Amino acid sequence: MKQPRLLDQVRNVLRVHHYSLRTEDAYIQWIKRFIHFHNKRRANDMGESEITAILTSLAVIRNVSASTQNQALSAILFLYKKVLKQELDWIEDIVRAKRPSRIPTVLDRADVKKLLNSLTGTNILLGYFYMVLG
């Protein structure tokens, strides 16, 4: 009997492990991109250096977000670990996409007083209630 195509194998393993359909779609797309990025080479013939190449390209050339790069990494690792049953060494030398810096917004006393004074009706009760319990 003929072995199923790679993407059909990926779909089958994803479904056996009860991944959501949205995750399945995303992983399939990332695996396709990985294979096309390396000129349609067989996944069995590739390894850490090819994974590093695509992930670095995503960060440097495509300037994707960190979460996008992580999703691509997860899809490719799923392919190798769960579908192809190949253990990969720890992948190093990946240029990681930068996470945005999140600066917390804090109101000083004057700003809080101004905010509370602008509230009316039930909103003022909620504002004071939140201030006391928050």
N, C-alpha and C. Protein backbone atom coordinates (compact mmCIF):
# COMPACT_ATOMS: atom_id res chain seq x y z
N MET A 1 0.83 -1.19 0.00
CA MET A 1 0.00 0.00 0.00
C MET A 1 0.87 1.25 0.00
N LYS A 2 0.45 2.22 -0.78
CA LYS A 2 1.21 3.46 -0.93
C LYS A 2 1.07 4.32 0.34
N GLN A 3 2.20 4.90 0.76
CA GLN A 3 2.19 5.75 1.94
C GLN A 3 1.51 7.09 1.60
N PRO A 4 0.69 7.64 2.53
CA PRO A 4 0.03 8.91 2.24
C PRO A 4 1.03 10.05 2.04
N ARG A 5 0.60 11.07 1.33
CA ARG A 5 1.45 12.23 1.12
C ARG A 5 1.75 12.90 2.45
N LEU A 6 2.82 13.66 2.49
CA LEU A 6 3.28 14.26 3.74
C LEU A 6 2.21 15.09 4.42
N LEU A 7 1.54 15.96 3.68
CA LEU A 7 0.55 16.84 4.29
C LEU A 7 -0.66 16.06 4.79
N ASP A 8 -0.99 14.95 4.12
CA ASP A 8 -2.06 14.09 4.62
C ASP A 8 -1.64 13.40 5.91
N GLN A 9 -0.37 13.02 6.00
CA GLN A 9 0.14 12.45 7.24
C GLN A 9 0.07 13.47 8.37
N VAL A 10 0.44 14.71 8.07
CA VAL A 10 0.39 15.78 9.08
C VAL A 10 -1.04 15.95 9.57
N ARG A 11 -1.98 16.02 8.64
CA ARG A 11 -3.39 16.17 9.02
C ARG A 11 -3.86 15.02 9.92
N ASN A 12 -3.49 13.81 9.55
CA ASN A 12 -3.90 12.64 10.33
C ASN A 12 -3.35 12.70 11.75
N VAL A 13 -2.08 13.04 11.89
CA VAL A 13 -1.47 13.09 13.22
C VAL A 13 -2.08 14.23 14.03
N LEU A 14 -2.32 15.37 13.40
CA LEU A 14 -2.97 16.49 14.10
C LEU A 14 -4.33 16.08 14.63
N ARG A 15 -5.07 15.35 13.84
CA ARG A 15 -6.42 14.93 14.26
C ARG A 15 -6.36 13.85 15.34
N VAL A 16 -5.40 12.97 15.26
CA VAL A 16 -5.24 11.96 16.31
C VAL A 16 -4.93 12.63 17.65
N HIS A 17 -4.17 13.72 17.61
CA HIS A 17 -3.81 14.45 18.82
C HIS A 17 -4.84 15.52 19.19
N HIS A 18 -5.95 15.56 18.50
CA HIS A 18 -7.08 16.46 18.78
C HIS A 18 -6.72 17.95 18.72
N TYR A 19 -5.90 18.32 17.76
CA TYR A 19 -5.62 19.73 17.53
C TYR A 19 -6.85 20.36 16.87
N SER A 20 -7.03 21.65 17.08
CA SER A 20 -8.18 22.33 16.47
C SER A 20 -7.96 22.45 14.96
N LEU A 21 -9.06 22.67 14.24
CA LEU A 21 -8.97 22.82 12.78
C LEU A 21 -8.19 24.07 12.40
N ARG A 22 -8.29 25.13 13.21
CA ARG A 22 -7.52 26.35 12.92
C ARG A 22 -6.03 26.10 13.08
N THR A 23 -5.67 25.33 14.09
CA THR A 23 -4.26 24.98 14.27
C THR A 23 -3.80 24.10 13.12
N GLU A 24 -4.65 23.18 12.70
CA GLU A 24 -4.32 22.32 11.57
C GLU A 24 -4.06 23.16 10.32
N ASP A 25 -4.93 24.11 10.04
CA ASP A 25 -4.75 24.97 8.86
C ASP A 25 -3.44 25.75 8.95
N ALA A 26 -3.18 26.32 10.14
CA ALA A 26 -1.96 27.12 10.31
C ALA A 26 -0.71 26.25 10.15
N TYR A 27 -0.70 25.09 10.77
CA TYR A 27 0.47 24.21 10.69
C TYR A 27 0.70 23.75 9.25
N ILE A 28 -0.36 23.39 8.55
CA ILE A 28 -0.23 22.96 7.16
C ILE A 28 0.39 24.09 6.32
N GLN A 29 -0.10 25.31 6.52
CA GLN A 29 0.44 26.45 5.76
C GLN A 29 1.92 26.67 6.07
N TRP A 30 2.31 26.59 7.35
CA TRP A 30 3.71 26.79 7.70
C TRP A 30 4.59 25.68 7.16
N ILE A 31 4.11 24.47 7.15
CA ILE A 31 4.90 23.36 6.60
C ILE A 31 5.06 23.52 5.09
N LYS A 32 4.00 23.95 4.41
CA LYS A 32 4.11 24.24 2.97
C LYS A 32 5.14 25.33 2.71
N ARG A 33 5.07 26.40 3.51
CA ARG A 33 6.04 27.50 3.34
C ARG A 33 7.46 27.03 3.57
N PHE A 34 7.64 26.18 4.57
CA PHE A 34 8.96 25.64 4.88
C PHE A 34 9.51 24.86 3.70
N ILE A 35 8.69 24.00 3.12
CA ILE A 35 9.12 23.17 1.99
C ILE A 35 9.38 24.03 0.76
N HIS A 36 8.51 25.00 0.50
CA HIS A 36 8.71 25.89 -0.66
C HIS A 36 9.91 26.79 -0.47
N PHE A 37 10.16 27.22 0.76
CA PHE A 37 11.32 28.07 1.06
C PHE A 37 12.61 27.37 0.65
N HIS A 38 12.63 26.05 0.78
CA HIS A 38 13.81 25.27 0.44
C HIS A 38 13.65 24.55 -0.90
N ASN A 39 12.96 25.21 -1.81
CA ASN A 39 12.81 24.73 -3.20
C ASN A 39 12.25 23.32 -3.29
N LYS A 40 11.21 23.07 -2.50
CA LYS A 40 10.45 21.81 -2.53
C LYS A 40 11.30 20.58 -2.24
N ARG A 41 12.31 20.76 -1.39
CA ARG A 41 13.09 19.59 -0.95
C ARG A 41 12.24 18.76 0.00
N ARG A 42 12.54 17.48 0.09
CA ARG A 42 11.82 16.59 0.99
C ARG A 42 12.17 16.95 2.43
N ALA A 43 11.19 16.93 3.30
CA ALA A 43 11.41 17.27 4.71
C ALA A 43 12.39 16.29 5.36
N ASN A 44 12.37 15.03 4.94
CA ASN A 44 13.31 14.04 5.48
C ASN A 44 14.76 14.38 5.19
N ASP A 45 14.98 15.13 4.11
CA ASP A 45 16.34 15.47 3.70
C ASP A 45 16.83 16.77 4.34
N MET A 46 15.99 17.39 5.14
CA MET A 46 16.37 18.66 5.77
C MET A 46 16.47 18.47 7.27
N GLY A 47 17.03 19.48 7.94
CA GLY A 47 17.21 19.38 9.38
C GLY A 47 17.34 20.74 10.04
N GLU A 48 18.19 20.79 11.07
CA GLU A 48 18.31 21.99 11.88
C GLU A 48 18.73 23.23 11.09
N SER A 49 19.67 23.05 10.16
CA SER A 49 20.16 24.23 9.42
C SER A 49 19.06 24.84 8.55
N GLU A 50 18.21 24.01 7.97
CA GLU A 50 17.11 24.53 7.15
C GLU A 50 16.04 25.19 8.02
N ILE A 51 15.79 24.62 9.19
CA ILE A 51 14.82 25.23 10.11
C ILE A 51 15.34 26.59 10.57
N THR A 52 16.62 26.64 10.93
CA THR A 52 17.23 27.90 11.35
C THR A 52 17.15 28.93 10.22
N ALA A 53 17.38 28.50 8.99
CA ALA A 53 17.36 29.42 7.85
C ALA A 53 15.99 30.07 7.67
N ILE A 54 14.92 29.29 7.72
CA ILE A 54 13.60 29.88 7.49
C ILE A 54 13.19 30.77 8.67
N LEU A 55 13.50 30.35 9.90
CA LEU A 55 13.10 31.16 11.05
C LEU A 55 13.87 32.47 11.11
N THR A 56 15.14 32.43 10.75
CA THR A 56 15.94 33.65 10.69
C THR A 56 15.43 34.56 9.58
N SER A 57 15.07 33.96 8.45
CA SER A 57 14.52 34.74 7.34
C SER A 57 13.22 35.44 7.73
N LEU A 58 12.39 34.74 8.48
CA LEU A 58 11.12 35.36 8.94
C LEU A 58 11.39 36.59 9.78
N ALA A 59 12.39 36.51 10.66
CA ALA A 59 12.69 37.63 11.55
C ALA A 59 13.40 38.76 10.83
N VAL A 60 14.37 38.43 10.00
CA VAL A 60 15.23 39.45 9.40
C VAL A 60 14.62 40.05 8.13
N ILE A 61 14.20 39.20 7.21
CA ILE A 61 13.72 39.68 5.91
C ILE A 61 12.24 40.04 5.96
N ARG A 62 11.41 39.15 6.50
CA ARG A 62 9.97 39.40 6.52
C ARG A 62 9.54 40.25 7.70
N ASN A 63 10.41 40.37 8.72
CA ASN A 63 10.14 41.22 9.89
C ASN A 63 8.82 40.85 10.58
N VAL A 64 8.61 39.54 10.79
CA VAL A 64 7.37 39.08 11.41
C VAL A 64 7.44 39.28 12.92
N SER A 65 6.30 39.17 13.57
CA SER A 65 6.25 39.29 15.03
C SER A 65 6.80 38.03 15.67
N ALA A 66 7.12 38.13 16.95
CA ALA A 66 7.66 36.99 17.67
C ALA A 66 6.65 35.84 17.71
N SER A 67 5.37 36.16 17.87
CA SER A 67 4.36 35.10 17.94
C SER A 67 4.22 34.38 16.60
N THR A 68 4.38 35.09 15.50
CA THR A 68 4.32 34.46 14.18
C THR A 68 5.51 33.52 14.00
N GLN A 69 6.69 33.97 14.40
CA GLN A 69 7.87 33.13 14.29
C GLN A 69 7.73 31.89 15.18
N ASN A 70 7.17 32.07 16.37
CA ASN A 70 6.96 30.93 17.27
C ASN A 70 5.97 29.93 16.70
N GLN A 71 4.93 30.43 16.02
CA GLN A 71 3.96 29.54 15.40
C GLN A 71 4.62 28.71 14.30
N ALA A 72 5.46 29.36 13.50
CA ALA A 72 6.18 28.65 12.44
C ALA A 72 7.08 27.58 13.05
N LEU A 73 7.79 27.93 14.11
CA LEU A 73 8.66 26.97 14.79
C LEU A 73 7.86 25.78 15.32
N SER A 74 6.72 26.05 15.94
CA SER A 74 5.89 24.99 16.49
C SER A 74 5.42 24.04 15.40
N ALA A 75 5.01 24.59 14.27
CA ALA A 75 4.53 23.75 13.16
C ALA A 75 5.65 22.86 12.63
N ILE A 76 6.82 23.43 12.46
CA ILE A 76 7.94 22.66 11.91
C ILE A 76 8.42 21.60 12.91
N LEU A 77 8.46 21.97 14.19
CA LEU A 77 8.85 20.98 15.20
C LEU A 77 7.83 19.85 15.28
N PHE A 78 6.54 20.18 15.14
CA PHE A 78 5.50 19.15 15.11
C PHE A 78 5.74 18.20 13.96
N LEU A 79 6.06 18.74 12.80
CA LEU A 79 6.34 17.90 11.63
C LEU A 79 7.45 16.90 11.92
N TYR A 80 8.55 17.40 12.48
CA TYR A 80 9.69 16.51 12.68
C TYR A 80 9.48 15.54 13.84
N LYS A 81 8.94 16.01 14.95
CA LYS A 81 8.82 15.15 16.13
C LYS A 81 7.66 14.16 16.03
N LYS A 82 6.49 14.64 15.63
CA LYS A 82 5.30 13.80 15.67
C LYS A 82 5.03 13.04 14.38
N VAL A 83 5.33 13.66 13.24
CA VAL A 83 5.00 13.03 11.95
C VAL A 83 6.17 12.22 11.42
N LEU A 84 7.36 12.84 11.35
CA LEU A 84 8.52 12.15 10.79
C LEU A 84 9.28 11.35 11.84
N LYS A 85 8.90 11.54 13.12
CA LYS A 85 9.53 10.81 14.24
C LYS A 85 11.05 10.99 14.26
N GLN A 86 11.49 12.23 14.05
CA GLN A 86 12.91 12.57 14.10
C GLN A 86 13.16 13.50 15.27
N GLU A 87 14.11 13.15 16.09
CA GLU A 87 14.49 14.04 17.19
C GLU A 87 15.49 15.06 16.66
N LEU A 88 15.23 16.30 16.98
CA LEU A 88 16.12 17.37 16.55
C LEU A 88 16.94 17.83 17.74
N ASP A 89 18.20 18.19 17.48
CA ASP A 89 18.99 18.82 18.52
C ASP A 89 18.41 20.19 18.79
N TRP A 90 18.80 20.78 19.91
CA TRP A 90 18.32 22.13 20.21
C TRP A 90 18.76 23.06 19.10
N ILE A 91 17.83 23.81 18.57
CA ILE A 91 18.12 24.69 17.44
C ILE A 91 18.66 26.00 17.97
N GLU A 92 19.88 26.31 17.56
CA GLU A 92 20.53 27.54 18.01
C GLU A 92 20.74 28.44 16.80
N ASP A 93 21.28 29.59 17.07
CA ASP A 93 21.63 30.57 16.04
C ASP A 93 20.44 31.09 15.26
N ILE A 94 19.26 31.04 15.85
CA ILE A 94 18.08 31.62 15.20
C ILE A 94 18.02 33.08 15.60
N VAL A 95 17.86 33.95 14.62
CA VAL A 95 17.62 35.34 14.94
C VAL A 95 16.16 35.43 15.34
N ARG A 96 15.91 35.82 16.59
CA ARG A 96 14.55 35.87 17.10
C ARG A 96 13.90 37.20 16.76
N ALA A 97 12.62 37.13 16.43
CA ALA A 97 11.85 38.35 16.20
C ALA A 97 11.71 39.08 17.52
N LYS A 98 11.72 40.39 17.47
CA LYS A 98 11.65 41.19 18.70
C LYS A 98 10.22 41.27 19.21
N ARG A 99 10.09 41.11 20.51
CA ARG A 99 8.79 41.30 21.16
C ARG A 99 8.61 42.79 21.41
N PRO A 100 7.40 43.30 21.21
CA PRO A 100 7.19 44.72 21.47
C PRO A 100 7.32 45.02 22.95
N SER A 101 7.90 46.17 23.24
CA SER A 101 7.99 46.55 24.65
C SER A 101 6.64 47.12 25.07
N ARG A 102 6.19 46.69 26.21
CA ARG A 102 4.90 47.13 26.72
C ARG A 102 5.15 48.02 27.93
N ILE A 103 4.80 49.27 27.79
CA ILE A 103 4.99 50.22 28.87
C ILE A 103 3.66 50.34 29.61
N PRO A 104 3.67 50.05 30.92
CA PRO A 104 2.40 50.12 31.66
C PRO A 104 1.92 51.56 31.78
N THR A 105 0.62 51.71 31.73
CA THR A 105 0.02 53.03 31.89
C THR A 105 -0.46 53.15 33.33
N VAL A 106 0.05 54.16 34.02
CA VAL A 106 -0.31 54.37 35.41
C VAL A 106 -0.81 55.81 35.54
N LEU A 107 -1.93 55.95 36.20
CA LEU A 107 -2.47 57.29 36.43
C LEU A 107 -1.99 57.81 37.77
N ASP A 108 -1.61 59.09 37.81
CA ASP A 108 -1.27 59.68 39.10
C ASP A 108 -2.55 60.15 39.79
N ARG A 109 -2.43 60.64 41.00
CA ARG A 109 -3.61 61.03 41.78
C ARG A 109 -4.45 62.09 41.07
N ALA A 110 -3.80 63.05 40.46
CA ALA A 110 -4.53 64.12 39.77
C ALA A 110 -5.34 63.56 38.61
N ASP A 111 -4.75 62.63 37.87
CA ASP A 111 -5.47 62.02 36.74
C ASP A 111 -6.66 61.20 37.22
N VAL A 112 -6.51 60.48 38.33
CA VAL A 112 -7.61 59.68 38.88
C VAL A 112 -8.73 60.60 39.33
N LYS A 113 -8.36 61.70 40.00
CA LYS A 113 -9.37 62.66 40.47
C LYS A 113 -10.13 63.27 39.29
N LYS A 114 -9.41 63.62 38.23
CA LYS A 114 -10.03 64.19 37.04
C LYS A 114 -10.97 63.17 36.39
N LEU A 115 -10.54 61.92 36.34
CA LEU A 115 -11.35 60.85 35.76
C LEU A 115 -12.63 60.64 36.56
N LEU A 116 -12.49 60.55 37.87
CA LEU A 116 -13.67 60.32 38.72
C LEU A 116 -14.64 61.50 38.66
N ASN A 117 -14.11 62.71 38.57
CA ASN A 117 -14.97 63.90 38.49
C ASN A 117 -15.73 63.97 37.17
N SER A 118 -15.23 63.32 36.14
CA SER A 118 -15.90 63.35 34.84
C SER A 118 -17.03 62.32 34.73
N LEU A 119 -17.08 61.37 35.68
CA LEU A 119 -18.11 60.33 35.64
C LEU A 119 -19.44 60.86 36.16
N THR A 120 -20.52 60.29 35.62
CA THR A 120 -21.87 60.68 36.08
C THR A 120 -22.73 59.43 36.24
N GLY A 121 -23.81 59.57 36.98
CA GLY A 121 -24.80 58.49 37.13
C GLY A 121 -24.21 57.25 37.78
N THR A 122 -24.61 56.11 37.25
CA THR A 122 -24.12 54.84 37.83
C THR A 122 -22.62 54.64 37.59
N ASN A 123 -22.08 55.29 36.57
CA ASN A 123 -20.65 55.15 36.30
C ASN A 123 -19.80 55.68 37.45
N ILE A 124 -20.27 56.74 38.10
CA ILE A 124 -19.50 57.27 39.23
C ILE A 124 -19.46 56.27 40.37
N LEU A 125 -20.60 55.58 40.59
CA LEU A 125 -20.62 54.54 41.63
C LEU A 125 -19.64 53.42 41.29
N LEU A 126 -19.66 53.00 40.03
CA LEU A 126 -18.74 51.95 39.60
C LEU A 126 -17.29 52.39 39.73
N GLY A 127 -17.03 53.65 39.39
CA GLY A 127 -15.66 54.18 39.49
C GLY A 127 -15.17 54.17 40.92
N TYR A 128 -15.96 54.67 41.85
CA TYR A 128 -15.56 54.69 43.26
C TYR A 128 -15.50 53.27 43.81
N PHE A 129 -16.41 52.41 43.40
CA PHE A 129 -16.42 51.03 43.86
C PHE A 129 -15.14 50.33 43.41
N TYR A 130 -14.76 50.54 42.16
CA TYR A 130 -13.55 49.93 41.63
C TYR A 130 -12.32 50.49 42.34
N MET A 131 -12.34 51.81 42.62
CA MET A 131 -11.20 52.45 43.27
C MET A 131 -10.99 51.86 44.68
N VAL A 132 -12.08 51.62 45.39
CA VAL A 132 -11.99 51.11 46.76
C VAL A 132 -11.57 49.63 46.76
N LEU A 133 -12.15 48.84 45.86
CA LEU A 133 -11.85 47.39 45.86
C LEU A 133 -10.68 47.01 44.95
N GLY A 134 -10.41 47.86 43.96
CA GLY A 134 -9.39 47.54 42.98
C GLY A 134 -8.03 47.53 43.53
